Amino acid sequence: MPKPTKTRQARQAALREELQSREYLRQIHGILASDWQPENVSVNTAKMNGYFRLLAKSLPDCKELPVVLEVDQTLPLAQRAEAVASAAIAGTITPTEANALLNVMGRVAEIKAVHELEARILKLELLENDSSD
């Protein structure tokens, strides 16, 4: 199959998926805008859940974007963590992004602590070996 046909088919498929997504959104909006009677809540909820599942299948997967936050790397780790928390509170980054950054910083702190402990143990072993000679 020639390349232009594949490209055209890909564009057609993408357009079809976009139109399906819009229809699912329209249906969800229609359900939300309808008069919700107590006896219809479970039916409306089930319909919406179905449309949300279909919508999730027709939309492309989101790619995670890198978080950009300027934090002075010369600051102590606790102050850098406070800067991340402040950015989340100020709305510069989302709480999820702040949590991810703090998790990374925590892992780095753990690795540094193990590295420092390892260096101290090696130093003690060297001193012990020197004193036994």
N, C-alpha and C. Protein backbone atom coordinates (compact mmCIF):
# COMPACT_ATOMS: atom_id res chain seq x y z
N MET A 1 0.85 -1.17 0.00
CA MET A 1 0.00 0.00 0.00
C MET A 1 0.90 1.24 0.00
N PRO A 2 0.66 2.18 -0.90
CA PRO A 2 1.51 3.37 -0.94
C PRO A 2 1.38 4.19 0.33
N LYS A 3 2.43 4.92 0.61
CA LYS A 3 2.50 5.68 1.85
C LYS A 3 1.38 6.72 2.00
N PRO A 4 1.04 7.50 0.96
CA PRO A 4 -0.03 8.49 1.13
C PRO A 4 -1.35 7.86 1.58
N THR A 5 -1.65 6.65 1.12
CA THR A 5 -2.88 5.98 1.52
C THR A 5 -2.85 5.65 3.00
N LYS A 6 -1.70 5.16 3.48
CA LYS A 6 -1.57 4.88 4.91
C LYS A 6 -1.77 6.15 5.73
N THR A 7 -1.18 7.24 5.28
CA THR A 7 -1.31 8.50 5.99
C THR A 7 -2.76 8.95 6.00
N ARG A 8 -3.44 8.81 4.87
CA ARG A 8 -4.83 9.20 4.78
C ARG A 8 -5.68 8.31 5.69
N GLN A 9 -5.38 7.02 5.71
CA GLN A 9 -6.12 6.11 6.58
C GLN A 9 -5.88 6.45 8.05
N ALA A 10 -4.65 6.80 8.38
CA ALA A 10 -4.34 7.19 9.76
C ALA A 10 -5.11 8.45 10.15
N ARG A 11 -5.17 9.42 9.21
CA ARG A 11 -5.92 10.65 9.49
C ARG A 11 -7.40 10.35 9.64
N GLN A 12 -7.93 9.47 8.80
CA GLN A 12 -9.34 9.11 8.89
C GLN A 12 -9.65 8.41 10.22
N ALA A 13 -8.75 7.51 10.62
CA ALA A 13 -8.95 6.81 11.89
C ALA A 13 -8.90 7.80 13.05
N ALA A 14 -7.96 8.74 13.01
CA ALA A 14 -7.85 9.74 14.07
C ALA A 14 -9.10 10.61 14.13
N LEU A 15 -9.61 11.00 12.98
CA LEU A 15 -10.82 11.81 12.92
C LEU A 15 -12.01 11.03 13.46
N ARG A 16 -12.11 9.75 13.09
CA ARG A 16 -13.20 8.92 13.57
C ARG A 16 -13.16 8.82 15.10
N GLU A 17 -11.95 8.62 15.66
CA GLU A 17 -11.81 8.53 17.11
C GLU A 17 -12.17 9.85 17.78
N GLU A 18 -11.77 10.96 17.17
CA GLU A 18 -12.09 12.27 17.74
C GLU A 18 -13.60 12.50 17.75
N LEU A 19 -14.26 12.13 16.66
CA LEU A 19 -15.72 12.29 16.60
C LEU A 19 -16.42 11.38 17.61
N GLN A 20 -15.91 10.16 17.79
CA GLN A 20 -16.47 9.27 18.80
C GLN A 20 -16.31 9.89 20.19
N SER A 21 -15.13 10.44 20.46
CA SER A 21 -14.88 11.07 21.75
C SER A 21 -15.86 12.21 22.00
N ARG A 22 -16.09 13.02 20.96
CA ARG A 22 -17.02 14.13 21.11
C ARG A 22 -18.44 13.61 21.38
N GLU A 23 -18.82 12.55 20.72
CA GLU A 23 -20.16 11.99 20.95
C GLU A 23 -20.28 11.46 22.37
N TYR A 24 -19.25 10.79 22.87
CA TYR A 24 -19.28 10.29 24.24
C TYR A 24 -19.40 11.46 25.22
N LEU A 25 -18.64 12.53 24.97
CA LEU A 25 -18.72 13.71 25.84
C LEU A 25 -20.12 14.33 25.78
N ARG A 26 -20.70 14.37 24.59
CA ARG A 26 -22.04 14.92 24.42
C ARG A 26 -23.05 14.09 25.23
N GLN A 27 -22.91 12.78 25.17
CA GLN A 27 -23.82 11.90 25.92
C GLN A 27 -23.66 12.12 27.42
N ILE A 28 -22.41 12.21 27.89
CA ILE A 28 -22.16 12.44 29.32
C ILE A 28 -22.76 13.77 29.74
N HIS A 29 -22.55 14.81 28.93
CA HIS A 29 -23.11 16.12 29.24
C HIS A 29 -24.63 16.07 29.29
N GLY A 30 -25.25 15.34 28.35
CA GLY A 30 -26.71 15.19 28.33
C GLY A 30 -27.23 14.53 29.59
N ILE A 31 -26.51 13.51 30.06
CA ILE A 31 -26.92 12.82 31.29
C ILE A 31 -26.79 13.76 32.47
N LEU A 32 -25.68 14.50 32.54
CA LEU A 32 -25.49 15.43 33.66
C LEU A 32 -26.52 16.55 33.66
N ALA A 33 -26.93 16.99 32.47
CA ALA A 33 -27.88 18.10 32.37
C ALA A 33 -29.32 17.65 32.59
N SER A 34 -29.56 16.35 32.56
CA SER A 34 -30.94 15.86 32.71
C SER A 34 -31.40 16.02 34.16
N ASP A 35 -32.70 15.90 34.33
CA ASP A 35 -33.29 15.99 35.67
C ASP A 35 -33.09 14.65 36.37
N TRP A 36 -32.29 14.65 37.38
CA TRP A 36 -31.95 13.42 38.10
C TRP A 36 -33.01 13.14 39.16
N GLN A 37 -33.80 12.14 38.92
CA GLN A 37 -34.77 11.69 39.91
C GLN A 37 -34.13 10.57 40.73
N PRO A 38 -34.50 10.45 41.98
CA PRO A 38 -33.87 9.41 42.83
C PRO A 38 -33.92 8.02 42.22
N GLU A 39 -35.00 7.69 41.51
CA GLU A 39 -35.11 6.34 40.94
C GLU A 39 -34.21 6.16 39.72
N ASN A 40 -33.69 7.27 39.14
CA ASN A 40 -32.85 7.18 37.94
C ASN A 40 -31.36 7.32 38.23
N VAL A 41 -31.00 7.55 39.46
CA VAL A 41 -29.59 7.81 39.79
C VAL A 41 -28.70 6.63 39.40
N SER A 42 -29.09 5.43 39.74
CA SER A 42 -28.23 4.27 39.44
C SER A 42 -28.14 4.04 37.93
N VAL A 43 -29.24 4.24 37.20
CA VAL A 43 -29.22 4.07 35.75
C VAL A 43 -28.33 5.12 35.11
N ASN A 44 -28.52 6.39 35.52
CA ASN A 44 -27.70 7.48 34.96
C ASN A 44 -26.23 7.28 35.29
N THR A 45 -25.93 6.85 36.49
CA THR A 45 -24.55 6.61 36.89
C THR A 45 -23.94 5.50 36.05
N ALA A 46 -24.68 4.44 35.84
CA ALA A 46 -24.19 3.33 35.02
C ALA A 46 -23.94 3.77 33.58
N LYS A 47 -24.86 4.57 33.04
CA LYS A 47 -24.69 5.08 31.67
C LYS A 47 -23.43 5.94 31.59
N MET A 48 -23.27 6.85 32.56
CA MET A 48 -22.10 7.73 32.54
C MET A 48 -20.81 6.93 32.66
N ASN A 49 -20.79 5.95 33.54
CA ASN A 49 -19.59 5.13 33.69
C ASN A 49 -19.25 4.42 32.39
N GLY A 50 -20.27 3.95 31.69
CA GLY A 50 -20.04 3.30 30.40
C GLY A 50 -19.46 4.27 29.38
N TYR A 51 -20.02 5.47 29.32
CA TYR A 51 -19.49 6.47 28.38
C TYR A 51 -18.07 6.89 28.76
N PHE A 52 -17.80 7.00 30.07
CA PHE A 52 -16.44 7.34 30.48
C PHE A 52 -15.45 6.25 30.08
N ARG A 53 -15.86 4.98 30.20
CA ARG A 53 -14.97 3.89 29.78
C ARG A 53 -14.71 3.95 28.27
N LEU A 54 -15.78 4.19 27.49
CA LEU A 54 -15.61 4.32 26.05
C LEU A 54 -14.74 5.52 25.70
N LEU A 55 -14.93 6.61 26.42
CA LEU A 55 -14.13 7.82 26.19
C LEU A 55 -12.66 7.54 26.48
N ALA A 56 -12.39 6.85 27.57
CA ALA A 56 -11.01 6.53 27.92
C ALA A 56 -10.35 5.65 26.86
N LYS A 57 -11.13 4.78 26.22
CA LYS A 57 -10.57 3.92 25.17
C LYS A 57 -10.30 4.70 23.88
N SER A 58 -11.11 5.72 23.62
CA SER A 58 -10.96 6.43 22.35
C SER A 58 -9.96 7.57 22.42
N LEU A 59 -9.67 8.06 23.62
CA LEU A 59 -8.69 9.14 23.75
C LEU A 59 -7.28 8.58 23.78
N PRO A 60 -6.32 9.30 23.23
CA PRO A 60 -4.93 8.81 23.30
C PRO A 60 -4.42 8.90 24.73
N ASP A 61 -3.48 8.04 25.04
CA ASP A 61 -2.86 8.07 26.36
C ASP A 61 -2.11 9.38 26.54
N CYS A 62 -2.20 9.93 27.73
CA CYS A 62 -1.48 11.16 28.04
C CYS A 62 -0.02 10.83 28.30
N LYS A 63 0.83 11.65 27.79
CA LYS A 63 2.25 11.52 28.07
C LYS A 63 2.56 12.41 29.26
N GLU A 64 3.32 11.88 30.17
CA GLU A 64 3.69 12.66 31.33
C GLU A 64 4.75 13.67 30.93
N LEU A 65 4.54 14.91 31.31
CA LEU A 65 5.48 15.96 30.99
C LEU A 65 6.40 16.17 32.19
N PRO A 66 7.65 16.54 31.93
CA PRO A 66 8.55 16.79 33.05
C PRO A 66 8.12 18.01 33.84
N VAL A 67 8.36 17.95 35.13
CA VAL A 67 8.04 19.06 36.01
C VAL A 67 9.22 20.02 36.00
N VAL A 68 8.94 21.29 35.74
CA VAL A 68 10.00 22.29 35.73
C VAL A 68 9.83 23.16 36.97
N LEU A 69 10.80 23.07 37.86
CA LEU A 69 10.78 23.86 39.09
C LEU A 69 12.21 24.21 39.43
N GLU A 70 12.48 25.50 39.47
CA GLU A 70 13.83 25.96 39.79
C GLU A 70 14.03 25.95 41.30
N VAL A 71 14.92 25.07 41.76
CA VAL A 71 15.26 24.98 43.18
C VAL A 71 16.77 25.01 43.27
N ASP A 72 17.28 25.89 44.12
CA ASP A 72 18.72 26.02 44.30
C ASP A 72 19.30 24.73 44.87
N GLN A 73 20.11 24.05 44.08
CA GLN A 73 20.66 22.75 44.47
C GLN A 73 21.73 22.86 45.55
N THR A 74 22.17 24.07 45.84
CA THR A 74 23.17 24.23 46.91
C THR A 74 22.52 24.30 48.28
N LEU A 75 21.21 24.46 48.32
CA LEU A 75 20.50 24.50 49.60
C LEU A 75 20.49 23.12 50.25
N PRO A 76 20.39 23.08 51.56
CA PRO A 76 20.22 21.78 52.22
C PRO A 76 18.93 21.10 51.74
N LEU A 77 18.90 19.79 51.83
CA LEU A 77 17.78 19.00 51.32
C LEU A 77 16.45 19.44 51.94
N ALA A 78 16.44 19.73 53.23
CA ALA A 78 15.19 20.14 53.88
C ALA A 78 14.65 21.44 53.28
N GLN A 79 15.53 22.37 52.97
CA GLN A 79 15.09 23.64 52.38
C GLN A 79 14.59 23.43 50.94
N ARG A 80 15.22 22.51 50.21
CA ARG A 80 14.73 22.21 48.87
C ARG A 80 13.34 21.58 48.94
N ALA A 81 13.13 20.71 49.92
CA ALA A 81 11.81 20.09 50.11
C ALA A 81 10.77 21.16 50.46
N GLU A 82 11.15 22.12 51.29
CA GLU A 82 10.25 23.22 51.62
C GLU A 82 9.91 24.04 50.38
N ALA A 83 10.87 24.22 49.48
CA ALA A 83 10.62 24.96 48.24
C ALA A 83 9.61 24.23 47.37
N VAL A 84 9.71 22.91 47.33
CA VAL A 84 8.75 22.12 46.55
C VAL A 84 7.36 22.24 47.16
N ALA A 85 7.27 22.13 48.49
CA ALA A 85 5.98 22.25 49.16
C ALA A 85 5.40 23.65 48.94
N SER A 86 6.23 24.67 49.01
CA SER A 86 5.76 26.04 48.78
C SER A 86 5.24 26.22 47.36
N ALA A 87 5.91 25.60 46.40
CA ALA A 87 5.46 25.69 45.01
C ALA A 87 4.09 25.03 44.85
N ALA A 88 3.86 23.93 45.56
CA ALA A 88 2.56 23.26 45.49
C ALA A 88 1.48 24.13 46.13
N ILE A 89 1.81 24.73 47.26
CA ILE A 89 0.85 25.58 47.95
C ILE A 89 0.52 26.81 47.11
N ALA A 90 1.52 27.36 46.43
CA ALA A 90 1.32 28.54 45.59
C ALA A 90 0.62 28.20 44.27
N GLY A 91 0.51 26.92 43.93
CA GLY A 91 -0.14 26.52 42.70
C GLY A 91 0.78 26.48 41.49
N THR A 92 2.08 26.62 41.72
CA THR A 92 3.05 26.55 40.63
C THR A 92 3.11 25.13 40.06
N ILE A 93 3.02 24.13 40.93
CA ILE A 93 2.98 22.73 40.53
C ILE A 93 1.79 22.08 41.24
N THR A 94 1.35 20.96 40.72
CA THR A 94 0.21 20.27 41.34
C THR A 94 0.68 19.49 42.56
N PRO A 95 -0.24 19.17 43.46
CA PRO A 95 0.14 18.34 44.61
C PRO A 95 0.72 16.99 44.19
N THR A 96 0.22 16.41 43.11
CA THR A 96 0.76 15.14 42.63
C THR A 96 2.20 15.30 42.18
N GLU A 97 2.48 16.40 41.47
CA GLU A 97 3.85 16.66 41.03
C GLU A 97 4.76 16.90 42.24
N ALA A 98 4.25 17.65 43.23
CA ALA A 98 5.05 17.90 44.44
C ALA A 98 5.36 16.59 45.14
N ASN A 99 4.36 15.72 45.24
CA ASN A 99 4.57 14.42 45.88
C ASN A 99 5.62 13.61 45.14
N ALA A 100 5.56 13.63 43.81
CA ALA A 100 6.56 12.89 43.02
C ALA A 100 7.95 13.46 43.24
N LEU A 101 8.06 14.79 43.26
CA LEU A 101 9.37 15.40 43.49
C LEU A 101 9.90 15.09 44.88
N LEU A 102 9.02 15.16 45.87
CA LEU A 102 9.46 14.85 47.23
C LEU A 102 9.86 13.39 47.37
N ASN A 103 9.17 12.51 46.66
CA ASN A 103 9.57 11.09 46.67
C ASN A 103 10.96 10.91 46.08
N VAL A 104 11.23 11.59 44.98
CA VAL A 104 12.56 11.51 44.35
C VAL A 104 13.61 12.05 45.32
N MET A 105 13.30 13.19 45.94
CA MET A 105 14.26 13.78 46.88
C MET A 105 14.49 12.85 48.08
N GLY A 106 13.44 12.17 48.53
CA GLY A 106 13.58 11.22 49.64
C GLY A 106 14.47 10.05 49.26
N ARG A 107 14.31 9.55 48.04
CA ARG A 107 15.15 8.45 47.58
C ARG A 107 16.61 8.88 47.48
N VAL A 108 16.83 10.09 46.97
CA VAL A 108 18.20 10.61 46.89
C VAL A 108 18.80 10.72 48.28
N ALA A 109 18.02 11.22 49.24
CA ALA A 109 18.50 11.34 50.62
C ALA A 109 18.85 9.97 51.20
N GLU A 110 18.02 8.96 50.92
CA GLU A 110 18.32 7.61 51.39
C GLU A 110 19.62 7.09 50.79
N ILE A 111 19.80 7.30 49.50
CA ILE A 111 21.02 6.84 48.83
C ILE A 111 22.24 7.54 49.40
N LYS A 112 22.13 8.85 49.63
CA LYS A 112 23.24 9.60 50.21
C LYS A 112 23.56 9.09 51.61
N ALA A 113 22.53 8.81 52.40
CA ALA A 113 22.76 8.32 53.76
C ALA A 113 23.47 6.98 53.74
N VAL A 114 23.06 6.09 52.85
CA VAL A 114 23.72 4.78 52.75
C VAL A 114 25.16 4.96 52.28
N HIS A 115 25.37 5.85 51.33
CA HIS A 115 26.72 6.10 50.83
C HIS A 115 27.61 6.65 51.94
N GLU A 116 27.10 7.60 52.72
CA GLU A 116 27.89 8.16 53.82
C GLU A 116 28.18 7.11 54.89
N LEU A 117 27.20 6.27 55.20
CA LEU A 117 27.40 5.21 56.18
C LEU A 117 28.45 4.22 55.69
N GLU A 118 28.38 3.88 54.43
CA GLU A 118 29.36 2.97 53.84
C GLU A 118 30.77 3.56 53.93
N ALA A 119 30.90 4.85 53.64
CA ALA A 119 32.20 5.52 53.72
C ALA A 119 32.72 5.52 55.15
N ARG A 120 31.84 5.75 56.12
CA ARG A 120 32.26 5.76 57.52
C ARG A 120 32.71 4.38 57.98
N ILE A 121 31.99 3.35 57.54
CA ILE A 121 32.37 1.98 57.91
C ILE A 121 33.73 1.63 57.31
N LEU A 122 33.94 1.99 56.05
CA LEU A 122 35.23 1.73 55.42
C LEU A 122 36.36 2.46 56.16
N LYS A 123 36.09 3.69 56.56
CA LYS A 123 37.10 4.46 57.29
C LYS A 123 37.42 3.81 58.63
N LEU A 124 36.38 3.34 59.33
CA LEU A 124 36.60 2.64 60.61
C LEU A 124 37.38 1.34 60.41
N GLU A 125 37.06 0.61 59.35
CA GLU A 125 37.79 -0.62 59.07
C GLU A 125 39.26 -0.36 58.76
N LEU A 126 39.50 0.74 58.03
CA LEU A 126 40.88 1.11 57.73
C LEU A 126 41.62 1.47 59.01
N LEU A 127 40.98 2.22 59.90
CA LEU A 127 41.61 2.59 61.16
C LEU A 127 41.88 1.36 62.01
N GLU A 128 40.95 0.43 62.01
CA GLU A 128 41.11 -0.80 62.79
C GLU A 128 42.28 -1.63 62.24
N ASN A 129 42.37 -1.71 60.92
CA ASN A 129 43.45 -2.47 60.31
C ASN A 129 44.80 -1.81 60.57
N ASP A 130 44.85 -0.46 60.58
CA ASP A 130 46.10 0.25 60.85
C ASP A 130 46.54 0.07 62.29
N SER A 131 45.60 0.05 63.22
CA SER A 131 45.95 -0.08 64.64
C SER A 131 46.34 -1.49 64.99
N SER A 132 45.87 -2.49 64.25
CA SER A 132 46.22 -3.88 64.56
C SER A 132 47.61 -4.24 64.01
N ASP A 133 48.14 -3.44 63.10
CA ASP A 133 49.47 -3.72 62.55
C ASP A 133 50.54 -3.37 63.48
